[in-house]
Amino acid sequence: MMIKITKGLLVEYTERSPRLELQFEFNPAAFSRSRQITFASNDTPGNESGYDFNSAGETPRISQGVAVNNEEISIDILLDATERMANNDAIADQYGISPELDTLKSMLEPKAQGPDGQQILASLGQGEDSGFSRDVFSSVFLFVWGDQVLPIFLTSIGVEETAHLPSLVPYRANVSIGMKVIESNNPYYIAEKSRQQNNASRYNSQSGYSVTIP
């Protein structure tokens, strides 16, 4: 059976240049989205001992102690320079997939404002001042796949190098990427919620299934 491979893109959301960008191929089957809720442990009406109810009108009360966490996304991708090396790509021949891996590492590291307004890695600070003790920030990224775009923070990157050049530079690696969706009043998330609600409405209007709630 043929497995459909789809292009994906991670691009830094910034007005400054150069911005970090990584284009890759990934199997949509290796793509998971999850959301969790957190229950309060104090004596509020919505704690674990206060979820009793007799009607749907009481749901706001019993939900007071429940917080919905931001959605998390994880994907597994393959970075492979084999085809480029076969086509005599000079960069791939010498560096393999090191440029892609270094781009990913730079994406996850905190940034600081450079003297000329350029964003630089906070760890490149001079003197005794630690990059993490200064005014630093994490980059916002857009995760693009198909016709969907989500604003995200990168939360984790895992790399398993599986093939190397004689110089020990990797040219193939399995990479896992963790993200947290930025659920706020921004145009990308608003568009995502609109798409989600439209699809849910479309499904519920056509399902033909209904249940009577007492």
N, C-alpha and C. Protein backbone atom coordinates (compact mmCIF):
# COMPACT_ATOMS: atom_id res chain seq x y z
N MET A 1 0.84 -1.19 0.00
CA MET A 1 0.00 0.00 0.00
C MET A 1 0.87 1.24 0.00
N MET A 2 0.52 2.20 -0.83
CA MET A 2 1.28 3.44 -0.91
C MET A 2 0.96 4.34 0.29
N ILE A 3 2.00 4.92 0.89
CA ILE A 3 1.84 5.83 2.01
C ILE A 3 2.02 7.26 1.49
N LYS A 4 1.00 8.07 1.67
CA LYS A 4 1.06 9.44 1.19
C LYS A 4 1.99 10.28 2.06
N ILE A 5 2.91 10.96 1.44
CA ILE A 5 3.84 11.83 2.15
C ILE A 5 3.44 13.28 1.89
N THR A 6 3.37 14.07 2.94
CA THR A 6 2.92 15.44 2.84
C THR A 6 4.02 16.39 3.27
N LYS A 7 4.10 17.52 2.61
CA LYS A 7 5.06 18.55 2.99
C LYS A 7 4.59 19.27 4.25
N GLY A 8 5.54 19.57 5.11
CA GLY A 8 5.27 20.35 6.30
C GLY A 8 6.27 21.49 6.40
N LEU A 9 5.93 22.49 7.19
CA LEU A 9 6.79 23.67 7.32
C LEU A 9 6.71 24.21 8.73
N LEU A 10 7.88 24.51 9.30
CA LEU A 10 7.98 25.28 10.53
C LEU A 10 8.69 26.58 10.18
N VAL A 11 8.04 27.70 10.46
CA VAL A 11 8.63 28.99 10.11
C VAL A 11 8.46 29.95 11.28
N GLU A 12 9.52 30.66 11.60
CA GLU A 12 9.51 31.60 12.72
C GLU A 12 8.60 32.78 12.38
N TYR A 13 7.76 33.14 13.33
CA TYR A 13 6.82 34.25 13.13
C TYR A 13 7.48 35.53 13.67
N THR A 14 8.12 36.26 12.79
CA THR A 14 8.86 37.45 13.18
C THR A 14 8.91 38.43 12.02
N GLU A 15 9.04 39.71 12.36
CA GLU A 15 9.20 40.74 11.33
C GLU A 15 10.65 40.92 10.94
N ARG A 16 11.54 40.30 11.67
CA ARG A 16 12.96 40.50 11.44
C ARG A 16 13.53 39.42 10.53
N SER A 17 14.63 39.73 9.91
CA SER A 17 15.28 38.82 8.98
C SER A 17 16.74 38.63 9.41
N PRO A 18 17.31 37.44 9.22
CA PRO A 18 16.67 36.24 8.66
C PRO A 18 15.82 35.52 9.71
N ARG A 19 14.81 34.83 9.27
CA ARG A 19 13.96 34.05 10.15
C ARG A 19 14.29 32.57 9.97
N LEU A 20 14.08 31.82 11.01
CA LEU A 20 14.34 30.39 10.96
C LEU A 20 13.21 29.68 10.23
N GLU A 21 13.57 28.73 9.37
CA GLU A 21 12.56 28.04 8.57
C GLU A 21 13.04 26.63 8.25
N LEU A 22 12.15 25.66 8.39
CA LEU A 22 12.48 24.28 8.07
C LEU A 22 11.32 23.64 7.32
N GLN A 23 11.60 23.18 6.10
CA GLN A 23 10.61 22.44 5.31
C GLN A 23 10.98 20.97 5.35
N PHE A 24 9.97 20.12 5.47
CA PHE A 24 10.24 18.69 5.63
C PHE A 24 9.08 17.88 5.08
N GLU A 25 9.33 16.59 4.92
CA GLU A 25 8.28 15.65 4.55
C GLU A 25 7.97 14.79 5.77
N PHE A 26 6.69 14.50 5.97
CA PHE A 26 6.34 13.62 7.07
C PHE A 26 5.11 12.82 6.72
N ASN A 27 4.99 11.66 7.35
CA ASN A 27 3.85 10.78 7.16
C ASN A 27 2.75 11.22 8.10
N PRO A 28 1.59 11.64 7.59
CA PRO A 28 0.53 12.09 8.48
C PRO A 28 0.13 11.07 9.54
N ALA A 29 0.43 9.78 9.31
CA ALA A 29 0.09 8.77 10.32
C ALA A 29 0.92 8.95 11.58
N ALA A 30 2.10 9.56 11.44
CA ALA A 30 2.97 9.80 12.59
C ALA A 30 2.74 11.21 13.11
N PHE A 31 1.47 11.50 13.43
CA PHE A 31 1.05 12.85 13.76
C PHE A 31 -0.03 12.74 14.82
N SER A 32 0.24 13.26 16.02
CA SER A 32 -0.75 13.14 17.08
C SER A 32 -1.06 14.51 17.68
N ARG A 33 -2.34 14.67 18.07
CA ARG A 33 -2.80 15.89 18.72
C ARG A 33 -3.49 15.46 20.01
N SER A 34 -3.20 16.14 21.10
CA SER A 34 -3.79 15.77 22.39
C SER A 34 -4.13 17.01 23.19
N ARG A 35 -5.11 16.87 24.04
CA ARG A 35 -5.52 17.94 24.95
C ARG A 35 -5.89 17.32 26.28
N GLN A 36 -5.52 17.96 27.37
CA GLN A 36 -5.82 17.47 28.69
C GLN A 36 -6.54 18.54 29.50
N ILE A 37 -7.25 18.09 30.53
CA ILE A 37 -7.86 19.03 31.46
C ILE A 37 -7.29 18.78 32.85
N THR A 38 -7.26 19.82 33.65
CA THR A 38 -6.74 19.75 35.01
C THR A 38 -7.87 20.00 35.98
N PHE A 39 -7.96 19.13 37.01
CA PHE A 39 -9.01 19.24 38.02
C PHE A 39 -8.46 19.92 39.26
N ALA A 40 -9.23 20.86 39.80
CA ALA A 40 -8.83 21.53 41.03
C ALA A 40 -8.86 20.53 42.19
N SER A 41 -7.97 20.75 43.17
CA SER A 41 -7.91 19.85 44.32
C SER A 41 -8.35 20.52 45.61
N ASN A 42 -8.84 21.78 45.52
CA ASN A 42 -9.28 22.46 46.73
C ASN A 42 -10.78 22.26 46.93
N ASP A 43 -11.36 23.03 47.83
CA ASP A 43 -12.77 22.83 48.18
C ASP A 43 -13.70 23.76 47.42
N THR A 44 -13.46 23.95 46.14
CA THR A 44 -14.35 24.75 45.31
C THR A 44 -15.54 23.89 44.88
N PRO A 45 -16.62 24.50 44.40
CA PRO A 45 -17.79 23.70 43.99
C PRO A 45 -17.48 22.71 42.88
N GLY A 46 -16.37 22.90 42.19
CA GLY A 46 -16.06 22.00 41.08
C GLY A 46 -14.99 20.99 41.40
N ASN A 47 -14.69 20.77 42.68
CA ASN A 47 -13.64 19.80 42.99
C ASN A 47 -14.18 18.38 42.86
N GLU A 48 -13.33 17.41 43.13
CA GLU A 48 -13.69 16.03 42.86
C GLU A 48 -14.85 15.55 43.74
N SER A 49 -15.11 16.23 44.84
CA SER A 49 -16.22 15.83 45.70
C SER A 49 -17.47 16.64 45.40
N GLY A 50 -17.40 17.55 44.42
CA GLY A 50 -18.54 18.42 44.16
C GLY A 50 -19.06 18.35 42.75
N TYR A 51 -18.96 17.17 42.11
CA TYR A 51 -19.43 17.04 40.73
C TYR A 51 -20.85 16.50 40.64
N ASP A 52 -21.58 16.53 41.76
CA ASP A 52 -22.95 16.07 41.73
C ASP A 52 -23.84 17.08 41.00
N PHE A 53 -24.83 16.59 40.24
CA PHE A 53 -25.74 17.48 39.52
C PHE A 53 -27.02 16.72 39.22
N ASN A 54 -28.09 17.49 38.98
CA ASN A 54 -29.39 16.91 38.66
C ASN A 54 -29.95 17.39 37.33
N SER A 55 -29.32 18.42 36.75
CA SER A 55 -29.81 18.93 35.47
C SER A 55 -28.67 19.55 34.69
N ALA A 56 -28.89 19.74 33.36
CA ALA A 56 -27.87 20.33 32.51
C ALA A 56 -27.57 21.77 32.92
N GLY A 57 -28.51 22.43 33.56
CA GLY A 57 -28.29 23.81 33.97
C GLY A 57 -27.24 23.96 35.06
N GLU A 58 -26.86 22.84 35.68
CA GLU A 58 -25.86 22.89 36.75
C GLU A 58 -24.44 22.69 36.24
N THR A 59 -24.26 22.48 34.94
CA THR A 59 -22.92 22.21 34.43
C THR A 59 -21.94 23.35 34.64
N PRO A 60 -22.35 24.64 34.56
CA PRO A 60 -21.37 25.69 34.86
C PRO A 60 -20.81 25.59 36.26
N ARG A 61 -21.65 25.17 37.22
CA ARG A 61 -21.17 25.07 38.61
C ARG A 61 -20.16 23.94 38.76
N ILE A 62 -20.49 22.77 38.22
CA ILE A 62 -19.59 21.63 38.44
C ILE A 62 -18.31 21.74 37.62
N SER A 63 -18.30 22.65 36.63
CA SER A 63 -17.10 22.82 35.79
C SER A 63 -16.16 23.89 36.30
N GLN A 64 -16.49 24.54 37.41
CA GLN A 64 -15.66 25.64 37.91
C GLN A 64 -14.24 25.20 38.24
N GLY A 65 -14.07 23.98 38.67
CA GLY A 65 -12.74 23.52 39.05
C GLY A 65 -11.99 22.79 37.95
N VAL A 66 -12.44 22.93 36.72
CA VAL A 66 -11.81 22.24 35.59
C VAL A 66 -11.15 23.26 34.67
N ALA A 67 -9.86 23.09 34.40
CA ALA A 67 -9.14 23.98 33.49
C ALA A 67 -8.73 23.18 32.25
N VAL A 68 -8.99 23.74 31.08
CA VAL A 68 -8.64 23.09 29.82
C VAL A 68 -7.25 23.57 29.39
N ASN A 69 -6.32 22.66 29.24
CA ASN A 69 -4.96 23.00 28.84
C ASN A 69 -4.84 23.17 27.34
N ASN A 70 -3.84 23.92 26.91
CA ASN A 70 -3.61 24.12 25.48
C ASN A 70 -3.34 22.79 24.78
N GLU A 71 -3.77 22.72 23.53
CA GLU A 71 -3.55 21.51 22.75
C GLU A 71 -2.06 21.30 22.49
N GLU A 72 -1.64 20.04 22.52
CA GLU A 72 -0.26 19.67 22.22
C GLU A 72 -0.22 18.80 20.97
N ILE A 73 0.82 19.01 20.18
CA ILE A 73 1.00 18.29 18.92
C ILE A 73 2.37 17.64 18.92
N SER A 74 2.45 16.44 18.42
CA SER A 74 3.75 15.78 18.24
C SER A 74 3.78 15.13 16.85
N ILE A 75 4.92 15.27 16.19
CA ILE A 75 5.10 14.67 14.88
C ILE A 75 6.45 13.96 14.82
N ASP A 76 6.52 12.94 14.01
CA ASP A 76 7.78 12.24 13.73
C ASP A 76 8.11 12.46 12.26
N ILE A 77 9.33 12.93 12.00
CA ILE A 77 9.73 13.17 10.62
C ILE A 77 11.08 12.49 10.35
N LEU A 78 11.36 12.31 9.08
CA LEU A 78 12.64 11.76 8.65
C LEU A 78 13.40 12.84 7.91
N LEU A 79 14.61 13.13 8.37
CA LEU A 79 15.50 14.02 7.63
C LEU A 79 16.53 13.15 6.93
N ASP A 80 16.61 13.27 5.61
CA ASP A 80 17.45 12.36 4.84
C ASP A 80 18.06 13.12 3.66
N ALA A 81 19.39 13.11 3.58
CA ALA A 81 20.09 13.80 2.50
C ALA A 81 20.53 12.84 1.40
N THR A 82 20.08 11.58 1.45
CA THR A 82 20.54 10.57 0.50
C THR A 82 20.29 10.99 -0.95
N GLU A 83 19.08 11.45 -1.24
CA GLU A 83 18.74 11.82 -2.61
C GLU A 83 19.57 13.00 -3.09
N ARG A 84 19.76 13.98 -2.21
CA ARG A 84 20.57 15.15 -2.60
C ARG A 84 22.02 14.75 -2.82
N MET A 85 22.52 13.83 -2.02
CA MET A 85 23.89 13.36 -2.19
C MET A 85 24.03 12.62 -3.52
N ALA A 86 22.99 11.85 -3.90
CA ALA A 86 23.03 11.13 -5.17
C ALA A 86 23.03 12.09 -6.34
N ASN A 87 22.48 13.29 -6.13
CA ASN A 87 22.46 14.31 -7.18
C ASN A 87 23.64 15.26 -7.08
N ASN A 88 24.65 14.87 -6.31
CA ASN A 88 25.90 15.63 -6.17
C ASN A 88 25.68 17.03 -5.59
N ASP A 89 24.77 17.13 -4.64
CA ASP A 89 24.56 18.39 -3.94
C ASP A 89 25.78 18.64 -3.04
N ALA A 90 26.48 19.74 -3.28
CA ALA A 90 27.74 20.00 -2.58
C ALA A 90 27.54 20.15 -1.07
N ILE A 91 26.45 20.81 -0.67
CA ILE A 91 26.20 21.01 0.76
C ILE A 91 25.88 19.68 1.43
N ALA A 92 25.02 18.87 0.79
CA ALA A 92 24.68 17.57 1.36
C ALA A 92 25.90 16.66 1.43
N ASP A 93 26.75 16.70 0.39
CA ASP A 93 27.95 15.86 0.36
C ASP A 93 28.88 16.16 1.54
N GLN A 94 28.95 17.41 1.93
CA GLN A 94 29.88 17.80 3.00
C GLN A 94 29.22 17.83 4.38
N TYR A 95 27.97 18.31 4.44
CA TYR A 95 27.35 18.56 5.74
C TYR A 95 26.16 17.63 6.04
N GLY A 96 25.74 16.80 5.09
CA GLY A 96 24.62 15.91 5.35
C GLY A 96 23.37 16.69 5.73
N ILE A 97 22.77 16.30 6.87
CA ILE A 97 21.59 17.01 7.36
C ILE A 97 21.92 17.94 8.53
N SER A 98 23.20 18.21 8.75
CA SER A 98 23.60 19.10 9.85
C SER A 98 22.92 20.47 9.78
N PRO A 99 22.76 21.09 8.58
CA PRO A 99 22.07 22.39 8.54
C PRO A 99 20.64 22.31 9.07
N GLU A 100 19.91 21.23 8.73
CA GLU A 100 18.55 21.09 9.21
C GLU A 100 18.52 20.87 10.73
N LEU A 101 19.43 20.02 11.23
CA LEU A 101 19.46 19.76 12.67
C LEU A 101 19.83 21.01 13.45
N ASP A 102 20.80 21.78 12.94
CA ASP A 102 21.18 23.01 13.63
C ASP A 102 20.07 24.05 13.58
N THR A 103 19.29 24.05 12.50
CA THR A 103 18.14 24.95 12.44
C THR A 103 17.13 24.59 13.52
N LEU A 104 16.86 23.30 13.69
CA LEU A 104 15.93 22.86 14.72
C LEU A 104 16.43 23.23 16.12
N LYS A 105 17.71 23.03 16.37
CA LYS A 105 18.26 23.38 17.68
C LYS A 105 18.14 24.88 17.94
N SER A 106 18.39 25.68 16.91
CA SER A 106 18.27 27.14 17.06
C SER A 106 16.82 27.55 17.30
N MET A 107 15.89 26.80 16.72
CA MET A 107 14.48 27.12 16.93
C MET A 107 14.08 26.98 18.39
N LEU A 108 14.63 25.98 19.06
CA LEU A 108 14.22 25.70 20.43
C LEU A 108 14.93 26.59 21.45
N GLU A 109 16.09 27.12 21.10
CA GLU A 109 16.84 27.93 22.05
C GLU A 109 16.21 29.32 22.22
N PRO A 110 16.30 29.89 23.44
CA PRO A 110 15.77 31.24 23.67
C PRO A 110 16.58 32.27 22.90
N LYS A 111 15.91 33.37 22.55
CA LYS A 111 16.53 34.43 21.77
C LYS A 111 16.67 35.70 22.62
N ALA A 112 17.57 36.57 22.19
CA ALA A 112 17.76 37.88 22.81
C ALA A 112 17.84 38.92 21.71
N GLN A 113 17.58 40.17 22.07
CA GLN A 113 17.63 41.26 21.10
C GLN A 113 19.07 41.71 20.94
N GLY A 114 19.59 41.64 19.71
CA GLY A 114 20.95 42.08 19.43
C GLY A 114 21.04 43.60 19.37
N PRO A 115 22.25 44.16 19.39
CA PRO A 115 22.43 45.61 19.38
C PRO A 115 21.88 46.29 18.13
N ASP A 116 21.81 45.56 17.02
CA ASP A 116 21.28 46.14 15.78
C ASP A 116 19.83 45.76 15.54
N GLY A 117 19.19 45.22 16.58
CA GLY A 117 17.80 44.83 16.45
C GLY A 117 17.59 43.41 15.98
N GLN A 118 18.66 42.73 15.63
CA GLN A 118 18.55 41.36 15.15
C GLN A 118 18.36 40.41 16.32
N GLN A 119 17.56 39.38 16.11
CA GLN A 119 17.40 38.35 17.13
C GLN A 119 18.58 37.40 17.08
N ILE A 120 19.20 37.18 18.23
CA ILE A 120 20.34 36.27 18.30
C ILE A 120 20.08 35.25 19.41
N LEU A 121 20.81 34.14 19.36
CA LEU A 121 20.69 33.16 20.41
C LEU A 121 21.15 33.76 21.73
N ALA A 122 20.36 33.60 22.77
CA ALA A 122 20.68 34.19 24.06
C ALA A 122 21.99 33.65 24.61
N SER A 123 22.32 32.41 24.25
CA SER A 123 23.55 31.79 24.75
C SER A 123 24.80 32.42 24.16
N LEU A 124 24.65 33.31 23.19
CA LEU A 124 25.81 33.97 22.59
C LEU A 124 26.16 35.28 23.31
N GLY A 125 25.55 35.53 24.46
CA GLY A 125 25.83 36.74 25.22
C GLY A 125 27.30 36.83 25.60
N GLN A 126 27.82 38.04 25.69
CA GLN A 126 29.23 38.25 26.01
C GLN A 126 29.40 38.52 27.49
N GLY A 127 30.60 38.36 27.97
CA GLY A 127 30.93 38.63 29.36
C GLY A 127 30.39 37.55 30.28
N GLU A 128 30.19 37.91 31.55
CA GLU A 128 29.75 36.95 32.54
C GLU A 128 28.23 36.82 32.59
N ASP A 129 27.53 37.68 31.88
CA ASP A 129 26.08 37.68 31.91
C ASP A 129 25.53 36.46 31.19
N SER A 130 24.87 35.59 31.90
CA SER A 130 24.33 34.37 31.31
C SER A 130 23.17 34.70 30.40
N GLY A 131 23.04 33.97 29.29
CA GLY A 131 21.95 34.21 28.37
C GLY A 131 20.59 34.05 29.02
N PHE A 132 20.48 33.14 30.01
CA PHE A 132 19.20 32.89 30.63
C PHE A 132 18.87 33.89 31.73
N SER A 133 19.81 34.75 32.12
CA SER A 133 19.53 35.73 33.16
C SER A 133 19.17 37.09 32.57
N ARG A 134 19.27 37.24 31.26
CA ARG A 134 18.93 38.51 30.61
C ARG A 134 17.51 38.46 30.07
N ASP A 135 17.09 39.51 29.43
CA ASP A 135 15.76 39.58 28.87
C ASP A 135 15.72 38.72 27.60
N VAL A 136 15.22 37.50 27.74
CA VAL A 136 15.20 36.56 26.62
C VAL A 136 13.77 36.13 26.35
N PHE A 137 13.55 35.55 25.20
CA PHE A 137 12.21 35.12 24.84
C PHE A 137 12.30 33.91 23.93
N SER A 138 11.23 33.15 23.92
CA SER A 138 11.12 32.01 23.00
C SER A 138 10.44 32.47 21.72
N SER A 139 10.86 31.91 20.63
CA SER A 139 10.27 32.28 19.34
C SER A 139 8.89 31.66 19.18
N VAL A 140 8.03 32.38 18.49
CA VAL A 140 6.74 31.86 18.05
C VAL A 140 6.91 31.31 16.64
N PHE A 141 6.32 30.15 16.38
CA PHE A 141 6.44 29.55 15.05
C PHE A 141 5.06 29.27 14.48
N LEU A 142 5.01 29.18 13.18
CA LEU A 142 3.82 28.72 12.48
C LEU A 142 4.09 27.31 11.98
N PHE A 143 3.22 26.40 12.35
CA PHE A 143 3.30 25.02 11.87
C PHE A 143 2.29 24.90 10.73
N VAL A 144 2.80 24.62 9.54
CA VAL A 144 1.97 24.60 8.33
C VAL A 144 1.98 23.20 7.75
N TRP A 145 0.79 22.65 7.50
CA TRP A 145 0.70 21.38 6.79
C TRP A 145 -0.64 21.37 6.05
N GLY A 146 -0.61 20.93 4.82
CA GLY A 146 -1.82 20.97 4.01
C GLY A 146 -2.31 22.41 3.91
N ASP A 147 -3.59 22.62 4.22
CA ASP A 147 -4.16 23.97 4.19
C ASP A 147 -4.36 24.52 5.60
N GLN A 148 -3.69 23.93 6.58
CA GLN A 148 -3.86 24.36 7.96
C GLN A 148 -2.59 25.05 8.47
N VAL A 149 -2.80 26.07 9.29
CA VAL A 149 -1.70 26.82 9.88
C VAL A 149 -2.01 27.04 11.36
N LEU A 150 -1.07 26.65 12.24
CA LEU A 150 -1.28 26.85 13.67
C LEU A 150 -0.09 27.60 14.27
N PRO A 151 -0.33 28.56 15.16
CA PRO A 151 0.76 29.22 15.88
C PRO A 151 1.16 28.35 17.06
N ILE A 152 2.47 28.12 17.21
CA ILE A 152 2.91 27.16 18.25
C ILE A 152 4.19 27.64 18.93
N PHE A 153 4.42 27.09 20.12
CA PHE A 153 5.73 27.11 20.76
C PHE A 153 6.32 25.72 20.61
N LEU A 154 7.60 25.62 20.30
CA LEU A 154 8.27 24.32 20.32
C LEU A 154 8.53 23.93 21.77
N THR A 155 8.20 22.70 22.13
CA THR A 155 8.41 22.23 23.50
C THR A 155 9.49 21.17 23.62
N SER A 156 9.74 20.44 22.55
CA SER A 156 10.77 19.41 22.62
C SER A 156 11.22 19.01 21.22
N ILE A 157 12.46 18.56 21.14
CA ILE A 157 13.01 18.01 19.90
C ILE A 157 13.87 16.80 20.28
N GLY A 158 13.61 15.68 19.65
CA GLY A 158 14.41 14.48 19.86
C GLY A 158 15.00 14.01 18.54
N VAL A 159 16.28 13.68 18.53
CA VAL A 159 16.98 13.30 17.30
C VAL A 159 17.65 11.94 17.47
N GLU A 160 17.36 11.04 16.55
CA GLU A 160 18.04 9.74 16.51
C GLU A 160 18.77 9.64 15.17
N GLU A 161 20.09 9.85 15.20
CA GLU A 161 20.88 9.77 13.97
C GLU A 161 21.06 8.31 13.58
N THR A 162 20.77 7.98 12.33
CA THR A 162 20.80 6.58 11.90
C THR A 162 21.83 6.28 10.82
N ALA A 163 22.39 7.31 10.18
CA ALA A 163 23.40 7.08 9.15
C ALA A 163 24.34 8.28 9.11
N HIS A 164 25.65 7.99 8.87
CA HIS A 164 26.65 9.05 8.92
C HIS A 164 27.61 8.95 7.73
N LEU A 165 28.15 10.09 7.37
CA LEU A 165 29.23 10.13 6.40
C LEU A 165 30.52 9.65 7.06
N PRO A 166 31.57 9.35 6.28
CA PRO A 166 32.85 8.94 6.88
C PRO A 166 33.38 9.97 7.89
N SER A 167 33.00 11.23 7.73
CA SER A 167 33.42 12.28 8.67
C SER A 167 32.58 12.28 9.94
N LEU A 168 31.62 11.31 10.05
CA LEU A 168 30.69 11.19 11.18
C LEU A 168 29.61 12.27 11.19
N VAL A 169 29.50 13.01 10.11
CA VAL A 169 28.40 13.96 9.96
C VAL A 169 27.14 13.16 9.59
N PRO A 170 26.02 13.38 10.26
CA PRO A 170 24.82 12.60 9.97
C PRO A 170 24.19 13.01 8.64
N TYR A 171 23.69 12.02 7.88
CA TYR A 171 22.94 12.34 6.68
C TYR A 171 21.54 11.74 6.71
N ARG A 172 21.20 11.04 7.80
CA ARG A 172 19.83 10.54 7.97
C ARG A 172 19.53 10.50 9.47
N ALA A 173 18.32 10.93 9.84
CA ALA A 173 17.93 10.92 11.25
C ALA A 173 16.42 10.91 11.39
N ASN A 174 15.95 10.21 12.41
CA ASN A 174 14.55 10.28 12.80
C ASN A 174 14.41 11.39 13.84
N VAL A 175 13.45 12.26 13.63
CA VAL A 175 13.30 13.43 14.51
C VAL A 175 11.87 13.48 15.04
N SER A 176 11.73 13.65 16.34
CA SER A 176 10.42 13.86 16.96
C SER A 176 10.34 15.30 17.44
N ILE A 177 9.22 15.95 17.16
CA ILE A 177 9.05 17.37 17.49
C ILE A 177 7.77 17.53 18.30
N GLY A 178 7.89 18.18 19.45
CA GLY A 178 6.73 18.47 20.30
C GLY A 178 6.39 19.95 20.23
N MET A 179 5.10 20.27 20.21
CA MET A 179 4.64 21.65 20.10
C MET A 179 3.45 21.88 21.02
N LYS A 180 3.27 23.13 21.42
CA LYS A 180 2.08 23.55 22.17
C LYS A 180 1.41 24.67 21.38
N VAL A 181 0.14 24.48 21.10
CA VAL A 181 -0.60 25.46 20.30
C VAL A 181 -0.83 26.73 21.13
N ILE A 182 -0.64 27.88 20.51
CA ILE A 182 -0.89 29.16 21.16
C ILE A 182 -2.35 29.52 20.93
N GLU A 183 -3.17 29.25 21.94
CA GLU A 183 -4.61 29.45 21.84
C GLU A 183 -4.96 30.83 22.38
N SER A 184 -4.94 31.80 21.51
CA SER A 184 -5.19 33.18 21.91
C SER A 184 -5.90 33.91 20.78
N ASN A 185 -6.13 35.19 20.98
CA ASN A 185 -6.82 35.99 19.97
C ASN A 185 -5.85 36.41 18.87
N ASN A 186 -5.45 35.42 18.05
CA ASN A 186 -4.57 35.70 16.92
C ASN A 186 -5.23 35.16 15.66
N PRO A 187 -4.91 35.71 14.50
CA PRO A 187 -5.65 35.33 13.27
C PRO A 187 -5.54 33.86 12.91
N TYR A 188 -4.42 33.23 13.22
CA TYR A 188 -4.24 31.82 12.85
C TYR A 188 -5.11 30.90 13.71
N TYR A 189 -5.15 31.17 15.02
CA TYR A 189 -5.96 30.32 15.89
C TYR A 189 -7.45 30.58 15.68
N ILE A 190 -7.81 31.83 15.43
CA ILE A 190 -9.21 32.15 15.13
C ILE A 190 -9.68 31.40 13.88
N ALA A 191 -8.83 31.37 12.86
CA ALA A 191 -9.18 30.64 11.63
C ALA A 191 -9.29 29.14 11.90
N GLU A 192 -8.42 28.60 12.75
CA GLU A 192 -8.48 27.18 13.09
C GLU A 192 -9.77 26.85 13.83
N LYS A 193 -10.17 27.68 14.79
CA LYS A 193 -11.41 27.41 15.52
C LYS A 193 -12.62 27.53 14.61
N SER A 194 -12.59 28.47 13.68
CA SER A 194 -13.69 28.60 12.72
C SER A 194 -13.79 27.36 11.85
N ARG A 195 -12.65 26.86 11.37
CA ARG A 195 -12.64 25.64 10.56
C ARG A 195 -13.18 24.47 11.37
N GLN A 196 -12.74 24.36 12.62
CA GLN A 196 -13.17 23.27 13.49
C GLN A 196 -14.67 23.31 13.74
N GLN A 197 -15.20 24.49 14.06
CA GLN A 197 -16.62 24.61 14.33
C GLN A 197 -17.47 24.35 13.09
N ASN A 198 -17.00 24.80 11.94
CA ASN A 198 -17.73 24.55 10.69
C ASN A 198 -17.80 23.06 10.39
N ASN A 199 -16.69 22.35 10.59
CA ASN A 199 -16.67 20.91 10.34
C ASN A 199 -17.57 20.17 11.33
N ALA A 200 -17.52 20.59 12.60
CA ALA A 200 -18.37 19.95 13.61
C ALA A 200 -19.84 20.17 13.30
N SER A 201 -20.19 21.39 12.89
CA SER A 201 -21.58 21.69 12.55
C SER A 201 -22.03 20.89 11.34
N ARG A 202 -21.13 20.77 10.38
CA ARG A 202 -21.45 20.02 9.16
C ARG A 202 -21.70 18.55 9.50
N TYR A 203 -20.87 18.00 10.38
CA TYR A 203 -21.03 16.59 10.76
C TYR A 203 -22.33 16.38 11.52
N ASN A 204 -22.61 17.26 12.50
CA ASN A 204 -23.79 17.08 13.34
C ASN A 204 -25.08 17.29 12.55
N SER A 205 -25.05 18.11 11.51
CA SER A 205 -26.25 18.35 10.72
C SER A 205 -26.52 17.21 9.74
N GLN A 206 -25.51 16.39 9.45
CA GLN A 206 -25.67 15.33 8.47
C GLN A 206 -25.63 13.93 9.06
N SER A 207 -25.31 13.81 10.35
CA SER A 207 -25.12 12.48 10.94
C SER A 207 -26.41 11.70 11.02
N GLY A 208 -27.55 12.39 11.19
CA GLY A 208 -28.82 11.69 11.28
C GLY A 208 -29.02 10.97 12.60
N TYR A 209 -28.12 11.21 13.56
CA TYR A 209 -28.20 10.54 14.86
C TYR A 209 -28.54 11.56 15.91
N SER A 210 -29.46 11.25 16.79
CA SER A 210 -29.83 12.16 17.85
C SER A 210 -30.19 11.37 19.10
N VAL A 211 -30.08 12.01 20.23
CA VAL A 211 -30.41 11.36 21.50
C VAL A 211 -31.21 12.35 22.33
N THR A 212 -32.21 11.83 23.04
CA THR A 212 -33.02 12.67 23.90
C THR A 212 -32.37 12.77 25.27
N ILE A 213 -32.12 13.99 25.71
CA ILE A 213 -31.50 14.22 27.01
C ILE A 213 -32.58 14.60 28.01
N PRO A 214 -32.73 13.84 29.08
CA PRO A 214 -33.77 14.15 30.05
C PRO A 214 -33.45 15.41 30.84
